[in-house]
C-alpha atoms as a PDB file:
ATOM      1  CA  UNK A   1     -19.360  -2.900 -14.353  1.00  0.00           C
ATOM      2  CA  UNK A   2     -16.245  -0.949 -12.586  1.00  0.00           C
ATOM      3  CA  UNK A   3     -16.071  -1.167  -8.866  1.00  0.00           C
ATOM      4  CA  UNK A   4     -13.468   0.093  -6.218  1.00  0.00           C
ATOM      5  CA  UNK A   5     -13.969  -0.159  -2.434  1.00  0.00           C
ATOM      6  CA  UNK A   6     -11.717   1.732  -0.230  1.00  0.00           C
ATOM      7  CA  UNK A   7     -11.210   2.121   3.503  1.00  0.00           C
ATOM      8  CA  UNK A   8      -9.972   0.592   6.641  1.00  0.00           C
ATOM      9  CA  UNK A   9     -10.969  -2.991   7.008  1.00  0.00           C
ATOM     10  CA  UNK A  10      -9.652  -5.397   9.580  1.00  0.00           C
ATOM     11  CA  UNK A  11     -11.971  -8.092   9.833  1.00  0.00           C
ATOM     12  CA  UNK A  12     -14.224  -7.610   6.478  1.00  0.00           C
ATOM     13  CA  UNK A  13     -11.231  -8.318   4.100  1.00  0.00           C
ATOM     14  CA  UNK A  14     -12.082 -11.852   3.565  1.00  0.00           C
ATOM     15  CA  UNK A  15     -15.988 -11.099   2.998  1.00  0.00           C
ATOM     16  CA  UNK A  16     -15.116  -8.384   0.450  1.00  0.00           C
ATOM     17  CA  UNK A  17     -12.895 -10.917  -1.370  1.00  0.00           C
ATOM     18  CA  UNK A  18     -15.778 -13.491  -1.149  1.00  0.00           C
ATOM     19  CA  UNK A  19     -17.926 -10.879  -2.952  1.00  0.00           C
ATOM     20  CA  UNK A  20     -15.792 -10.859  -5.876  1.00  0.00           C
ATOM     21  CA  UNK A  21     -13.423  -7.816  -5.291  1.00  0.00           C
ATOM     22  CA  UNK A  22      -9.635  -8.037  -5.743  1.00  0.00           C
ATOM     23  CA  UNK A  23      -7.206  -6.799  -3.269  1.00  0.00           C
ATOM     24  CA  UNK A  24      -5.154  -4.105  -5.330  1.00  0.00           C
ATOM     25  CA  UNK A  25      -1.864  -3.676  -3.370  1.00  0.00           C
ATOM     26  CA  UNK A  26      -0.417  -7.454  -4.199  1.00  0.00           C
ATOM     27  CA  UNK A  27      -1.199  -6.984  -7.807  1.00  0.00           C
ATOM     28  CA  UNK A  28       1.465  -4.398  -8.133  1.00  0.00           C
ATOM     29  CA  UNK A  29       3.661  -4.900  -4.938  1.00  0.00           C
ATOM     30  CA  UNK A  30       5.506  -7.497  -3.161  1.00  0.00           C
ATOM     31  CA  UNK A  31       6.299  -5.683   0.010  1.00  0.00           C
ATOM     32  CA  UNK A  32       3.706  -5.609   2.997  1.00  0.00           C
ATOM     33  CA  UNK A  33       2.027  -2.334   2.180  1.00  0.00           C
ATOM     34  CA  UNK A  34       1.819  -1.432   6.036  1.00  0.00           C
ATOM     35  CA  UNK A  35      -0.559   1.599   6.395  1.00  0.00           C
ATOM     36  CA  UNK A  36      -0.508   2.013  10.169  1.00  0.00           C
ATOM     37  CA  UNK A  37       2.405   1.692  12.690  1.00  0.00           C
ATOM     38  CA  UNK A  38       5.097   2.234  10.086  1.00  0.00           C
ATOM     39  CA  UNK A  39       7.069   4.372  12.110  1.00  0.00           C
ATOM     40  CA  UNK A  40       6.975   1.940  15.072  1.00  0.00           C
ATOM     41  CA  UNK A  41       8.523  -1.611  15.098  1.00  0.00           C
ATOM     42  CA  UNK A  42       5.220  -3.171  14.341  1.00  0.00           C
ATOM     43  CA  UNK A  43       3.363  -2.340  11.214  1.00  0.00           C
ATOM     44  CA  UNK A  44       0.141  -3.510  10.080  1.00  0.00           C
ATOM     45  CA  UNK A  45      -1.759  -3.312   6.998  1.00  0.00           C
ATOM     46  CA  UNK A  46      -5.626  -2.443   7.577  1.00  0.00           C
ATOM     47  CA  UNK A  47      -6.283   0.288   4.866  1.00  0.00           C
ATOM     48  CA  UNK A  48      -7.159  -1.330   1.544  1.00  0.00           C
ATOM     49  CA  UNK A  49      -8.064  -0.781  -2.225  1.00  0.00           C
ATOM     50  CA  UNK A  50     -10.198  -3.406  -3.405  1.00  0.00           C
ATOM     51  CA  UNK A  51     -11.220  -3.333  -7.231  1.00  0.00           C
ATOM     52  CA  UNK A  52     -13.643  -5.355  -9.329  1.00  0.00           C
ATOM     53  CA  UNK A  53     -11.782  -7.944 -11.543  1.00  0.00           C
ATOM     54  CA  UNK A  54     -11.935  -6.087 -14.660  1.00  0.00           C
ATOM     55  CA  UNK A  55     -10.237  -3.003 -13.068  1.00  0.00           C
ATOM     56  CA  UNK A  56      -7.709  -5.628 -11.474  1.00  0.00           C
ATOM     57  CA  UNK A  57      -6.302  -6.379 -15.277  1.00  0.00           C
ATOM     58  CA  UNK A  58      -5.635  -2.541 -15.464  1.00  0.00           C
ATOM     59  CA  UNK A  59      -3.492  -2.281 -12.083  1.00  0.00           C
ATOM     60  CA  UNK A  60      -0.630  -0.139 -12.580  1.00  0.00           C
ATOM     61  CA  UNK A  61       0.739   0.883  -9.294  1.00  0.00           C
ATOM     62  CA  UNK A  62       0.261   1.439  -5.620  1.00  0.00           C
ATOM     63  CA  UNK A  63       2.005   3.527  -2.956  1.00  0.00           C
ATOM     64  CA  UNK A  64       2.019   4.047   0.822  1.00  0.00           C
ATOM     65  CA  UNK A  65       3.238   7.560   1.831  1.00  0.00           C
ATOM     66  CA  UNK A  66       5.126   6.851   4.685  1.00  0.00           C
ATOM     67  CA  UNK A  67       6.482  10.460   5.331  1.00  0.00           C
ATOM     68  CA  UNK A  68       3.241  12.124   6.237  1.00  0.00           C
ATOM     69  CA  UNK A  69       2.233  12.476  10.068  1.00  0.00           C
ATOM     70  CA  UNK A  70      -1.142  13.958   9.403  1.00  0.00           C
ATOM     71  CA  UNK A  71      -2.720  10.610  10.809  1.00  0.00           C
ATOM     72  CA  UNK A  72      -1.859   7.213  12.519  1.00  0.00           C
ATOM     73  CA  UNK A  73      -2.781   5.845   8.925  1.00  0.00           C
ATOM     74  CA  UNK A  74      -0.509   6.340   6.004  1.00  0.00           C
ATOM     75  CA  UNK A  75      -2.297   7.336   2.598  1.00  0.00           C
ATOM     76  CA  UNK A  76      -2.548   4.562   0.091  1.00  0.00           C
ATOM     77  CA  UNK A  77      -2.745   5.688  -3.489  1.00  0.00           C
ATOM     78  CA  UNK A  78      -3.610   3.264  -6.406  1.00  0.00           C
ATOM     79  CA  UNK A  79      -3.226   3.854 -10.008  1.00  0.00           C
ATOM     80  CA  UNK A  80      -5.429   2.024 -12.645  1.00  0.00           C
ATOM     81  CA  UNK A  81      -4.550   2.374 -16.278  1.00  0.00           C
ATOM     82  CA  UNK A  82      -7.000   4.653 -18.111  1.00  0.00           C
ATOM     83  CA  UNK A  83      -8.389   6.364 -14.960  1.00  0.00           C
END
């Protein structure tokens, strides 16, 4: 069964991963992937895309839109092959 879980997770990350979900960002990127505070000197990554292991194998790319000022969080996009 395919599963995708997205959102702002600060303390829940370890619990989600313990449940078998895989953090999408490091599958396709070596950077920090900051989604908050990118226009300040201190960034942080608190917005995540987690996927089930079967979808982790299909990870294609992920980007953070650092240009928008619509929110204090930057949009995160994940691309999964075939979806």
